[in-house]
Amino acid sequence: MTRLAVGLSEETKAELTVPTSVLIVTLSAFLALDVLQLPEFADGIVRRVLTSIAVLAVFAGWYNLCGPFVSLLSGETRLGVKMESGWMERVARFGVVLFGITALLTVWEVDISSALTGVGVLGAGLAIATQDLIRNLVAGMNNISEKRFSVGDVVQIEGIFVGTVEQIDLRSTLLRGFDQIPRYIPNSELANAVVLNYSQRRNRRVKLSIPLVLATTQAQISEFCDTLRKHLKESGDFDVSEDAPQYVHVEGLSDSAVLVMFYAWTNDPDYASFLEVTERLTLKIMELASACDTALAYPTQTLNMSESASDV
């Protein structure tokens, strides 16, 4: 199990020192009240004042911690994504202030039931009005928790387009297509779409149909296939494990060639490496065709011409 740790800046630690000191002094004042035995009315007032100070200190500490906790949610090291967290920090601090005011009013026995009812009705109305936003927020959290993609991945949204993930937020995801036009796609659409993540594949497939001329003999075909299999096994370019299928076989005939199928998977998913592998393979195929005393075929047509009797 990994440990959950929140790094606090020196500035935040300094801000937390003040609320902590206030809480210690307030606790000491409460203990002193038990010794002083003040009149009931004065004792009640002083206790409420001290309780209010303690509440303010607690919520001030929570207010200062909003930034570090939000940065924990949006940190790249844990989720592999980069999100804009400024608005989340503002919402969290607003919630702390709202609950702090409610706690203070409760300490002074101010009846806020009617106000809470109004807030509940307002909240229900806002929930209905912002249901699309809420749906995107939930879908965004699902996308992040599933780790379907991260910043820098090349993905294809099936039925839409292919692009690079540049930013993942809780409401939408920014993808930039190969035409360099940014697309802001709502997370609810991504959550229900089939996403092909090309950056997470382990290797690339090489599938070729190699045409040899029809005049190639069976012995030449066998020599060609055996040498090509040896290249597949020993070149180091291809995955030769049991999990990776590898085939070098005659797959059939065409109108002008004997077709040899080459099917394998590269070791490296990088596109530049894939191009280098296919280049070496192509040159090897040309070399083998010459070494086996045969040739690569290409579509041909035979045209027979004869003199007609009228031309004699």
C-alpha atoms as a PDB file:
ATOM      1  CA  MET A   1       0.000   0.000   0.000  1.00  0.00           C
ATOM      2  CA  THR A   2       1.179   3.507  -0.802  1.00  0.00           C
ATOM      3  CA  ARG A   3       1.139   6.122   1.892  1.00  0.00           C
ATOM      4  CA  LEU A   4      -1.021   9.208   1.433  1.00  0.00           C
ATOM      5  CA  ALA A   5       1.086  12.258   2.207  1.00  0.00           C
ATOM      6  CA  VAL A   6       0.309  15.946   1.739  1.00  0.00           C
ATOM      7  CA  GLY A   7       3.244  18.285   1.412  1.00  0.00           C
ATOM      8  CA  LEU A   8       2.648  21.671   3.024  1.00  0.00           C
ATOM      9  CA  SER A   9       4.568  24.754   2.040  1.00  0.00           C
ATOM     10  CA  GLU A  10       6.356  26.787   4.676  1.00  0.00           C
ATOM     11  CA  GLU A  11       3.809  29.558   4.173  1.00  0.00           C
ATOM     12  CA  THR A  12       0.907  27.179   4.879  1.00  0.00           C
ATOM     13  CA  LYS A  13       2.657  25.809   7.947  1.00  0.00           C
ATOM     14  CA  ALA A  14       3.080  29.360   9.226  1.00  0.00           C
ATOM     15  CA  GLU A  15      -0.621  30.068   8.644  1.00  0.00           C
ATOM     16  CA  LEU A  16      -1.609  26.902  10.542  1.00  0.00           C
ATOM     17  CA  THR A  17       0.558  27.927  13.473  1.00  0.00           C
ATOM     18  CA  VAL A  18      -1.758  30.822  14.325  1.00  0.00           C
ATOM     19  CA  PRO A  19      -5.026  28.790  14.475  1.00  0.00           C
ATOM     20  CA  THR A  20      -3.267  26.107  16.519  1.00  0.00           C
ATOM     21  CA  SER A  21      -1.966  28.683  18.995  1.00  0.00           C
ATOM     22  CA  VAL A  22      -5.436  30.236  19.262  1.00  0.00           C
ATOM     23  CA  LEU A  23      -6.972  26.828  20.029  1.00  0.00           C
ATOM     24  CA  ILE A  24      -4.418  26.198  22.773  1.00  0.00           C
ATOM     25  CA  VAL A  25      -5.072  29.605  24.362  1.00  0.00           C
ATOM     26  CA  THR A  26      -8.854  29.086  24.098  1.00  0.00           C
ATOM     27  CA  LEU A  27      -8.601  25.691  25.807  1.00  0.00           C
ATOM     28  CA  SER A  28      -6.574  27.282  28.582  1.00  0.00           C
ATOM     29  CA  ALA A  29      -9.243  29.994  28.971  1.00  0.00           C
ATOM     30  CA  PHE A  30     -11.946  27.324  29.301  1.00  0.00           C
ATOM     31  CA  LEU A  31      -9.955  25.674  32.082  1.00  0.00           C
ATOM     32  CA  ALA A  32      -9.536  29.033  33.782  1.00  0.00           C
ATOM     33  CA  LEU A  33     -13.311  29.642  33.688  1.00  0.00           C
ATOM     34  CA  ASP A  34     -13.868  26.517  35.762  1.00  0.00           C
ATOM     35  CA  VAL A  35     -11.555  27.954  38.389  1.00  0.00           C
ATOM     36  CA  LEU A  36     -12.893  31.547  38.371  1.00  0.00           C
ATOM     37  CA  GLN A  37     -16.553  30.555  38.888  1.00  0.00           C
ATOM     38  CA  LEU A  38     -18.029  33.654  37.156  1.00  0.00           C
ATOM     39  CA  PRO A  39     -21.710  34.581  37.457  1.00  0.00           C
ATOM     40  CA  GLU A  40     -23.956  32.438  35.261  1.00  0.00           C
ATOM     41  CA  PHE A  41     -24.767  35.189  32.747  1.00  0.00           C
ATOM     42  CA  ALA A  42     -21.158  36.358  32.425  1.00  0.00           C
ATOM     43  CA  ASP A  43     -19.915  32.767  32.286  1.00  0.00           C
ATOM     44  CA  GLY A  44     -22.336  31.974  29.458  1.00  0.00           C
ATOM     45  CA  ILE A  45     -21.270  35.028  27.434  1.00  0.00           C
ATOM     46  CA  VAL A  46     -17.568  34.344  27.917  1.00  0.00           C
ATOM     47  CA  ARG A  47     -17.975  30.671  26.971  1.00  0.00           C
ATOM     48  CA  ARG A  48     -19.816  31.586  23.794  1.00  0.00           C
ATOM     49  CA  VAL A  49     -17.126  34.113  22.900  1.00  0.00           C
ATOM     50  CA  LEU A  50     -14.393  31.535  23.511  1.00  0.00           C
ATOM     51  CA  THR A  51     -16.339  28.894  21.547  1.00  0.00           C
ATOM     52  CA  SER A  52     -16.720  31.359  18.651  1.00  0.00           C
ATOM     53  CA  ILE A  53     -12.986  32.036  18.707  1.00  0.00           C
ATOM     54  CA  ALA A  54     -12.292  28.283  18.665  1.00  0.00           C
ATOM     55  CA  VAL A  55     -14.711  27.760  15.761  1.00  0.00           C
ATOM     56  CA  LEU A  56     -13.069  30.576  13.817  1.00  0.00           C
ATOM     57  CA  ALA A  57      -9.639  29.065  14.462  1.00  0.00           C
ATOM     58  CA  VAL A  58     -10.731  25.610  13.291  1.00  0.00           C
ATOM     59  CA  PHE A  59     -12.357  26.866  10.099  1.00  0.00           C
ATOM     60  CA  ALA A  60      -9.409  29.189   9.442  1.00  0.00           C
ATOM     61  CA  GLY A  61      -7.154  26.136   9.523  1.00  0.00           C
ATOM     62  CA  TRP A  62      -9.431  24.272   7.133  1.00  0.00           C
ATOM     63  CA  TYR A  63      -9.519  27.324   4.873  1.00  0.00           C
ATOM     64  CA  ASN A  64      -5.724  27.362   4.689  1.00  0.00           C
ATOM     65  CA  LEU A  65      -5.616  23.621   3.921  1.00  0.00           C
ATOM     66  CA  CYS A  66      -7.981  23.860   0.931  1.00  0.00           C
ATOM     67  CA  GLY A  67      -5.119  24.606  -1.446  1.00  0.00           C
ATOM     68  CA  PRO A  68      -2.891  21.642  -0.476  1.00  0.00           C
ATOM     69  CA  PHE A  69      -5.812  19.173  -0.436  1.00  0.00           C
ATOM     70  CA  VAL A  70      -7.060  20.297  -3.857  1.00  0.00           C
ATOM     71  CA  SER A  71      -3.519  20.025  -5.240  1.00  0.00           C
ATOM     72  CA  LEU A  72      -3.496  16.439  -3.926  1.00  0.00           C
ATOM     73  CA  LEU A  73      -6.576  15.672  -6.045  1.00  0.00           C
ATOM     74  CA  SER A  74      -5.078  17.216  -9.174  1.00  0.00           C
ATOM     75  CA  GLY A  75      -1.490  16.060  -8.735  1.00  0.00           C
ATOM     76  CA  GLU A  76       0.127  14.439 -11.775  1.00  0.00           C
ATOM     77  CA  THR A  77       2.233  12.096  -9.644  1.00  0.00           C
ATOM     78  CA  ARG A  78      -0.820  10.216  -8.328  1.00  0.00           C
ATOM     79  CA  LEU A  79      -3.362  10.402 -11.113  1.00  0.00           C
ATOM     80  CA  GLY A  80      -1.155  10.879 -14.158  1.00  0.00           C
ATOM     81  CA  VAL A  81      -3.269  13.845 -15.261  1.00  0.00           C
ATOM     82  CA  LYS A  82      -2.961  17.601 -15.205  1.00  0.00           C
ATOM     83  CA  MET A  83      -6.066  19.505 -14.189  1.00  0.00           C
ATOM     84  CA  GLU A  84      -6.950  23.134 -13.588  1.00  0.00           C
ATOM     85  CA  SER A  85      -7.545  23.207  -9.822  1.00  0.00           C
ATOM     86  CA  GLY A  86      -8.073  26.941  -9.204  1.00  0.00           C
ATOM     87  CA  TRP A  87     -11.843  26.755  -9.392  1.00  0.00           C
ATOM     88  CA  MET A  88     -11.945  23.694  -7.127  1.00  0.00           C
ATOM     89  CA  GLU A  89      -9.938  25.565  -4.498  1.00  0.00           C
ATOM     90  CA  ARG A  90     -12.347  28.507  -4.640  1.00  0.00           C
ATOM     91  CA  VAL A  91     -15.375  26.226  -4.275  1.00  0.00           C
ATOM     92  CA  ALA A  92     -13.777  24.425  -1.328  1.00  0.00           C
ATOM     93  CA  ARG A  93     -12.986  27.686   0.448  1.00  0.00           C
ATOM     94  CA  PHE A  94     -16.486  28.983  -0.169  1.00  0.00           C
ATOM     95  CA  GLY A  95     -17.866  25.817   1.443  1.00  0.00           C
ATOM     96  CA  VAL A  96     -15.574  26.266   4.471  1.00  0.00           C
ATOM     97  CA  VAL A  97     -16.729  29.890   4.900  1.00  0.00           C
ATOM     98  CA  LEU A  98     -20.390  28.868   4.571  1.00  0.00           C
ATOM     99  CA  PHE A  99     -20.103  26.115   7.170  1.00  0.00           C
ATOM    100  CA  GLY A 100     -18.089  28.393   9.440  1.00  0.00           C
ATOM    101  CA  ILE A 101     -20.815  31.033   9.428  1.00  0.00           C
ATOM    102  CA  THR A 102     -23.436  28.357  10.102  1.00  0.00           C
ATOM    103  CA  ALA A 103     -21.399  27.051  13.065  1.00  0.00           C
ATOM    104  CA  LEU A 104     -21.027  30.554  14.524  1.00  0.00           C
ATOM    105  CA  LEU A 105     -24.760  31.214  14.289  1.00  0.00           C
ATOM    106  CA  THR A 106     -25.421  27.883  15.985  1.00  0.00           C
ATOM    107  CA  VAL A 107     -23.083  28.828  18.857  1.00  0.00           C
ATOM    108  CA  TRP A 108     -25.095  32.023  19.463  1.00  0.00           C
ATOM    109  CA  GLU A 109     -28.362  30.085  19.121  1.00  0.00           C
ATOM    110  CA  VAL A 110     -29.533  32.010  16.086  1.00  0.00           C
ATOM    111  CA  ASP A 111     -32.436  30.205  14.392  1.00  0.00           C
ATOM    112  CA  ILE A 112     -31.350  29.480  10.834  1.00  0.00           C
ATOM    113  CA  SER A 113     -33.881  26.769  10.022  1.00  0.00           C
ATOM    114  CA  SER A 114     -35.882  29.000   7.695  1.00  0.00           C
ATOM    115  CA  ALA A 115     -32.705  30.155   6.011  1.00  0.00           C
ATOM    116  CA  LEU A 116     -31.566  26.554   5.578  1.00  0.00           C
ATOM    117  CA  THR A 117     -34.920  25.682   4.042  1.00  0.00           C
ATOM    118  CA  GLY A 118     -34.495  28.495   1.557  1.00  0.00           C
ATOM    119  CA  VAL A 119     -30.964  27.369   0.820  1.00  0.00           C
ATOM    120  CA  GLY A 120     -32.245  23.808   0.282  1.00  0.00           C
ATOM    121  CA  VAL A 121     -34.860  24.992  -2.192  1.00  0.00           C
ATOM    122  CA  LEU A 122     -32.264  27.135  -3.937  1.00  0.00           C
ATOM    123  CA  GLY A 123     -29.865  24.191  -4.014  1.00  0.00           C
ATOM    124  CA  ALA A 124     -32.508  21.940  -5.560  1.00  0.00           C
ATOM    125  CA  GLY A 125     -33.176  24.533  -8.235  1.00  0.00           C
ATOM    126  CA  LEU A 126     -29.477  24.923  -8.938  1.00  0.00           C
ATOM    127  CA  ALA A 127     -29.073  21.144  -9.131  1.00  0.00           C
ATOM    128  CA  ILE A 128     -31.785  20.944 -11.787  1.00  0.00           C
ATOM    129  CA  ALA A 129     -30.314  23.878 -13.693  1.00  0.00           C
ATOM    130  CA  THR A 130     -26.775  22.477 -13.543  1.00  0.00           C
ATOM    131  CA  GLN A 131     -27.481  18.787 -14.038  1.00  0.00           C
ATOM    132  CA  ASP A 132     -25.390  18.770 -17.211  1.00  0.00           C
ATOM    133  CA  LEU A 133     -22.436  20.209 -15.268  1.00  0.00           C
ATOM    134  CA  ILE A 134     -22.897  17.641 -12.492  1.00  0.00           C
ATOM    135  CA  ARG A 135     -23.062  14.816 -15.044  1.00  0.00           C
ATOM    136  CA  ASN A 136     -19.770  15.997 -16.566  1.00  0.00           C
ATOM    137  CA  LEU A 137     -18.166  16.267 -13.120  1.00  0.00           C
ATOM    138  CA  VAL A 138     -19.113  12.685 -12.239  1.00  0.00           C
ATOM    139  CA  ALA A 139     -17.977  11.418 -15.649  1.00  0.00           C
ATOM    140  CA  GLY A 140     -14.695  13.330 -15.269  1.00  0.00           C
ATOM    141  CA  MET A 141     -13.989  11.690 -11.918  1.00  0.00           C
ATOM    142  CA  ASN A 142     -14.767   8.280 -13.442  1.00  0.00           C
ATOM    143  CA  ASN A 143     -12.403   8.919 -16.355  1.00  0.00           C
ATOM    144  CA  ILE A 144      -9.639   9.931 -13.947  1.00  0.00           C
ATOM    145  CA  SER A 145     -10.137   6.971 -11.610  1.00  0.00           C
ATOM    146  CA  GLU A 146     -10.146   4.490 -14.513  1.00  0.00           C
ATOM    147  CA  LYS A 147      -6.940   6.016 -15.966  1.00  0.00           C
ATOM    148  CA  ARG A 148      -8.222   5.529 -19.505  1.00  0.00           C
ATOM    149  CA  PHE A 149      -5.737   8.133 -20.757  1.00  0.00           C
ATOM    150  CA  SER A 150      -3.351  10.771 -19.448  1.00  0.00           C
ATOM    151  CA  VAL A 151      -1.838  14.024 -20.684  1.00  0.00           C
ATOM    152  CA  GLY A 152       0.336  13.400 -23.743  1.00  0.00           C
ATOM    153  CA  ASP A 153      -1.470  10.238 -24.893  1.00  0.00           C
ATOM    154  CA  VAL A 154      -2.572   9.915 -28.520  1.00  0.00           C
ATOM    155  CA  VAL A 155      -6.165   8.696 -28.483  1.00  0.00           C
ATOM    156  CA  GLN A 156      -8.944   8.089 -30.973  1.00  0.00           C
ATOM    157  CA  ILE A 157     -12.502   8.871 -29.982  1.00  0.00           C
ATOM    158  CA  GLU A 158     -14.323   6.334 -32.118  1.00  0.00           C
ATOM    159  CA  GLY A 159     -16.580   8.069 -34.598  1.00  0.00           C
ATOM    160  CA  ILE A 160     -15.021  11.509 -33.949  1.00  0.00           C
ATOM    161  CA  PHE A 161     -11.282  12.048 -34.504  1.00  0.00           C
ATOM    162  CA  VAL A 162      -7.703  11.271 -33.407  1.00  0.00           C
ATOM    163  CA  GLY A 163      -5.758  13.707 -31.245  1.00  0.00           C
ATOM    164  CA  THR A 164      -3.374  14.278 -28.339  1.00  0.00           C
ATOM    165  CA  VAL A 165      -4.656  14.791 -24.793  1.00  0.00           C
ATOM    166  CA  GLU A 166      -3.411  18.171 -23.564  1.00  0.00           C
ATOM    167  CA  GLN A 167      -5.490  18.771 -20.434  1.00  0.00           C
ATOM    168  CA  ILE A 168      -7.933  16.815 -18.284  1.00  0.00           C
ATOM    169  CA  ASP A 169     -10.366  18.765 -16.148  1.00  0.00           C
ATOM    170  CA  LEU A 170     -13.348  17.588 -14.148  1.00  0.00           C
ATOM    171  CA  ARG A 171     -15.801  19.067 -16.650  1.00  0.00           C
ATOM    172  CA  SER A 172     -14.139  18.584 -20.037  1.00  0.00           C
ATOM    173  CA  THR A 173     -11.004  17.214 -21.688  1.00  0.00           C
ATOM    174  CA  LEU A 174      -8.868  19.176 -24.132  1.00  0.00           C
ATOM    175  CA  LEU A 175      -7.723  17.190 -27.177  1.00  0.00           C
ATOM    176  CA  ARG A 176      -5.678  18.717 -29.983  1.00  0.00           C
ATOM    177  CA  GLY A 177      -6.075  17.080 -33.371  1.00  0.00           C
ATOM    178  CA  PHE A 178      -3.328  16.647 -35.934  1.00  0.00           C
ATOM    179  CA  ASP A 179      -4.727  19.749 -37.619  1.00  0.00           C
ATOM    180  CA  GLN A 180      -3.627  21.637 -34.440  1.00  0.00           C
ATOM    181  CA  ILE A 181      -7.220  22.656 -33.651  1.00  0.00           C
ATOM    182  CA  PRO A 182      -8.118  22.185 -29.953  1.00  0.00           C
ATOM    183  CA  ARG A 183     -11.339  20.333 -29.078  1.00  0.00           C
ATOM    184  CA  TYR A 184     -12.984  20.635 -25.659  1.00  0.00           C
ATOM    185  CA  ILE A 185     -14.977  17.415 -25.290  1.00  0.00           C
ATOM    186  CA  PRO A 186     -17.446  17.073 -22.374  1.00  0.00           C
ATOM    187  CA  ASN A 187     -16.469  14.256 -20.050  1.00  0.00           C
ATOM    188  CA  SER A 188     -19.951  12.744 -20.243  1.00  0.00           C
ATOM    189  CA  GLU A 189     -19.384  12.065 -23.960  1.00  0.00           C
ATOM    190  CA  LEU A 190     -15.958  10.547 -23.297  1.00  0.00           C
ATOM    191  CA  ALA A 191     -17.359   8.324 -20.545  1.00  0.00           C
ATOM    192  CA  ASN A 192     -19.801   6.705 -22.996  1.00  0.00           C
ATOM    193  CA  ALA A 193     -17.474   6.618 -26.010  1.00  0.00           C
ATOM    194  CA  VAL A 194     -15.072   3.925 -27.152  1.00  0.00           C
ATOM    195  CA  VAL A 195     -11.603   5.411 -26.597  1.00  0.00           C
ATOM    196  CA  LEU A 196      -8.624   3.863 -28.408  1.00  0.00           C
ATOM    197  CA  ASN A 197      -5.413   4.783 -26.577  1.00  0.00           C
ATOM    198  CA  TYR A 198      -2.550   4.331 -29.034  1.00  0.00           C
ATOM    199  CA  SER A 199       0.037   5.403 -26.447  1.00  0.00           C
ATOM    200  CA  GLN A 200      -0.743   2.437 -24.194  1.00  0.00           C
ATOM    201  CA  ARG A 201      -0.121  -0.302 -26.722  1.00  0.00           C
ATOM    202  CA  ARG A 202       2.861  -2.516 -26.025  1.00  0.00           C
ATOM    203  CA  ASN A 203       3.988  -3.079 -29.625  1.00  0.00           C
ATOM    204  CA  ARG A 204       3.041  -2.651 -33.274  1.00  0.00           C
ATOM    205  CA  ARG A 205       1.936  -5.255 -35.789  1.00  0.00           C
ATOM    206  CA  VAL A 206       3.792  -5.976 -39.013  1.00  0.00           C
ATOM    207  CA  LYS A 207       1.721  -7.824 -41.601  1.00  0.00           C
ATOM    208  CA  LEU A 208       3.029  -8.224 -45.134  1.00  0.00           C
ATOM    209  CA  SER A 209       1.988 -10.230 -48.167  1.00  0.00           C
ATOM    210  CA  ILE A 210       5.211 -10.868 -50.082  1.00  0.00           C
ATOM    211  CA  PRO A 211       4.715 -11.710 -53.801  1.00  0.00           C
ATOM    212  CA  LEU A 212       7.200 -14.124 -55.408  1.00  0.00           C
ATOM    213  CA  VAL A 213       7.094 -14.818 -59.116  1.00  0.00           C
ATOM    214  CA  LEU A 214       5.020 -17.821 -60.197  1.00  0.00           C
ATOM    215  CA  ALA A 215       8.135 -19.477 -61.593  1.00  0.00           C
ATOM    216  CA  THR A 216       9.559 -19.876 -58.071  1.00  0.00           C
ATOM    217  CA  THR A 217      10.139 -23.547 -57.242  1.00  0.00           C
ATOM    218  CA  GLN A 218       9.012 -25.278 -54.071  1.00  0.00           C
ATOM    219  CA  ALA A 219      12.609 -25.567 -52.888  1.00  0.00           C
ATOM    220  CA  GLN A 220      13.178 -21.852 -53.406  1.00  0.00           C
ATOM    221  CA  ILE A 221       9.969 -21.033 -51.513  1.00  0.00           C
ATOM    222  CA  SER A 222      11.011 -23.248 -48.594  1.00  0.00           C
ATOM    223  CA  GLU A 223      14.467 -21.669 -48.471  1.00  0.00           C
ATOM    224  CA  PHE A 224      12.954 -18.181 -48.612  1.00  0.00           C
ATOM    225  CA  CYS A 225      10.459 -18.883 -45.781  1.00  0.00           C
ATOM    226  CA  ASP A 226      13.043 -20.643 -43.567  1.00  0.00           C
ATOM    227  CA  THR A 227      15.530 -17.769 -43.877  1.00  0.00           C
ATOM    228  CA  LEU A 228      12.778 -15.230 -43.222  1.00  0.00           C
ATOM    229  CA  ARG A 229      11.721 -17.133 -40.075  1.00  0.00           C
ATOM    230  CA  LYS A 230      15.338 -17.074 -38.917  1.00  0.00           C
ATOM    231  CA  HIS A 231      15.432 -13.300 -39.383  1.00  0.00           C
ATOM    232  CA  LEU A 232      12.214 -12.975 -37.369  1.00  0.00           C
ATOM    233  CA  LYS A 233      13.691 -14.987 -34.474  1.00  0.00           C
ATOM    234  CA  GLU A 234      17.238 -13.628 -34.430  1.00  0.00           C
ATOM    235  CA  SER A 235      17.053 -10.008 -35.605  1.00  0.00           C
ATOM    236  CA  GLY A 236      15.883  -8.678 -32.224  1.00  0.00           C
ATOM    237  CA  ASP A 237      13.292  -6.482 -33.914  1.00  0.00           C
ATOM    238  CA  PHE A 238      10.283  -8.647 -33.090  1.00  0.00           C
ATOM    239  CA  ASP A 239       8.543 -10.026 -30.017  1.00  0.00           C
ATOM    240  CA  VAL A 240       9.173 -13.781 -30.091  1.00  0.00           C
ATOM    241  CA  SER A 241       7.394 -14.637 -26.832  1.00  0.00           C
ATOM    242  CA  GLU A 242       4.518 -17.114 -26.690  1.00  0.00           C
ATOM    243  CA  ASP A 243       2.031 -14.256 -26.271  1.00  0.00           C
ATOM    244  CA  ALA A 244       2.963 -12.728 -29.639  1.00  0.00           C
ATOM    245  CA  PRO A 245       1.786 -14.671 -32.718  1.00  0.00           C
ATOM    246  CA  GLN A 246       4.401 -15.152 -35.468  1.00  0.00           C
ATOM    247  CA  TYR A 247       3.664 -16.547 -38.909  1.00  0.00           C
ATOM    248  CA  VAL A 248       5.719 -17.012 -42.087  1.00  0.00           C
ATOM    249  CA  HIS A 249       3.765 -19.199 -44.495  1.00  0.00           C
ATOM    250  CA  VAL A 250       2.582 -19.405 -48.079  1.00  0.00           C
ATOM    251  CA  GLU A 251      -0.935 -18.000 -47.962  1.00  0.00           C
ATOM    252  CA  GLY A 252      -2.010 -18.524 -51.545  1.00  0.00           C
ATOM    253  CA  LEU A 253      -1.708 -17.583 -55.195  1.00  0.00           C
ATOM    254  CA  SER A 254      -2.621 -14.467 -57.083  1.00  0.00           C
ATOM    255  CA  ASP A 255      -2.832 -13.894 -60.821  1.00  0.00           C
ATOM    256  CA  SER A 256       0.892 -13.182 -61.004  1.00  0.00           C
ATOM    257  CA  ALA A 257       2.559 -14.340 -57.761  1.00  0.00           C
ATOM    258  CA  VAL A 258       3.006 -16.843 -54.969  1.00  0.00           C
ATOM    259  CA  LEU A 259       2.032 -14.955 -51.811  1.00  0.00           C
ATOM    260  CA  VAL A 260       4.077 -15.437 -48.619  1.00  0.00           C
ATOM    261  CA  MET A 261       2.558 -14.004 -45.459  1.00  0.00           C
ATOM    262  CA  PHE A 262       4.806 -12.385 -42.822  1.00  0.00           C
ATOM    263  CA  TYR A 263       3.030 -11.676 -39.521  1.00  0.00           C
ATOM    264  CA  ALA A 264       4.795 -10.502 -36.330  1.00  0.00           C
ATOM    265  CA  TRP A 265       4.823  -7.860 -33.589  1.00  0.00           C
ATOM    266  CA  THR A 266       7.597  -5.384 -32.910  1.00  0.00           C
ATOM    267  CA  ASN A 267       9.253  -5.058 -29.506  1.00  0.00           C
ATOM    268  CA  ASP A 268       8.892  -1.282 -29.384  1.00  0.00           C
ATOM    269  CA  PRO A 269       5.587   0.603 -29.857  1.00  0.00           C
ATOM    270  CA  ASP A 270       7.391   3.796 -30.893  1.00  0.00           C
ATOM    271  CA  TYR A 271       6.501   4.832 -34.454  1.00  0.00           C
ATOM    272  CA  ALA A 272      10.050   5.865 -35.395  1.00  0.00           C
ATOM    273  CA  SER A 273      11.334   2.490 -34.221  1.00  0.00           C
ATOM    274  CA  PHE A 274       8.542   0.779 -36.179  1.00  0.00           C
ATOM    275  CA  LEU A 275       9.677   2.527 -39.377  1.00  0.00           C
ATOM    276  CA  GLU A 276      13.262   1.391 -38.795  1.00  0.00           C
ATOM    277  CA  VAL A 277      12.114  -2.216 -38.267  1.00  0.00           C
ATOM    278  CA  THR A 278      10.021  -2.258 -41.441  1.00  0.00           C
ATOM    279  CA  GLU A 279      12.897  -0.703 -43.387  1.00  0.00           C
ATOM    280  CA  ARG A 280      15.303  -3.439 -42.277  1.00  0.00           C
ATOM    281  CA  LEU A 281      12.679  -6.092 -43.017  1.00  0.00           C
ATOM    282  CA  THR A 282      12.042  -4.739 -46.525  1.00  0.00           C
ATOM    283  CA  LEU A 283      15.754  -4.730 -47.363  1.00  0.00           C
ATOM    284  CA  LYS A 284      16.076  -8.256 -45.958  1.00  0.00           C
ATOM    285  CA  ILE A 285      13.209  -9.494 -48.136  1.00  0.00           C
ATOM    286  CA  MET A 286      14.849  -8.046 -51.255  1.00  0.00           C
ATOM    287  CA  GLU A 287      18.159  -9.648 -50.243  1.00  0.00           C
ATOM    288  CA  LEU A 288      16.524 -13.043 -49.638  1.00  0.00           C
ATOM    289  CA  ALA A 289      14.713 -13.010 -52.963  1.00  0.00           C
ATOM    290  CA  SER A 290      18.005 -12.508 -54.754  1.00  0.00           C
ATOM    291  CA  ALA A 291      19.834 -15.070 -52.571  1.00  0.00           C
ATOM    292  CA  CYS A 292      17.179 -17.719 -53.278  1.00  0.00           C
ATOM    293  CA  ASP A 293      17.519 -17.082 -57.024  1.00  0.00           C
ATOM    294  CA  THR A 294      13.965 -15.828 -57.383  1.00  0.00           C
ATOM    295  CA  ALA A 295      12.355 -12.406 -57.705  1.00  0.00           C
ATOM    296  CA  LEU A 296       9.545 -10.320 -56.326  1.00  0.00           C
ATOM    297  CA  ALA A 297       6.520 -10.340 -58.595  1.00  0.00           C
ATOM    298  CA  TYR A 298       4.454  -7.458 -59.836  1.00  0.00           C
ATOM    299  CA  PRO A 299       1.210  -7.444 -61.815  1.00  0.00           C
ATOM    300  CA  THR A 300       1.818  -8.258 -65.475  1.00  0.00           C
ATOM    301  CA  GLN A 301      -0.245  -8.806 -68.583  1.00  0.00           C
ATOM    302  CA  THR A 302       0.649 -10.783 -71.680  1.00  0.00           C
ATOM    303  CA  LEU A 303      -0.431  -9.420 -75.017  1.00  0.00           C
ATOM    304  CA  ASN A 304      -0.327 -11.824 -77.977  1.00  0.00           C
ATOM    305  CA  MET A 305      -0.094 -10.197 -81.399  1.00  0.00           C
ATOM    306  CA  SER A 306      -0.449 -12.058 -84.712  1.00  0.00           C
ATOM    307  CA  GLU A 307      -0.527 -10.924 -88.301  1.00  0.00           C
ATOM    308  CA  SER A 308      -3.914 -11.129 -89.920  1.00  0.00           C
ATOM    309  CA  ALA A 309      -4.308 -12.493 -93.441  1.00  0.00           C
ATOM    310  CA  SER A 310      -5.329  -9.081 -94.769  1.00  0.00           C
ATOM    311  CA  ASP A 311      -1.956  -7.627 -93.785  1.00  0.00           C
ATOM    312  CA  VAL A 312       0.100 -10.179 -95.713  1.00  0.00           C
END
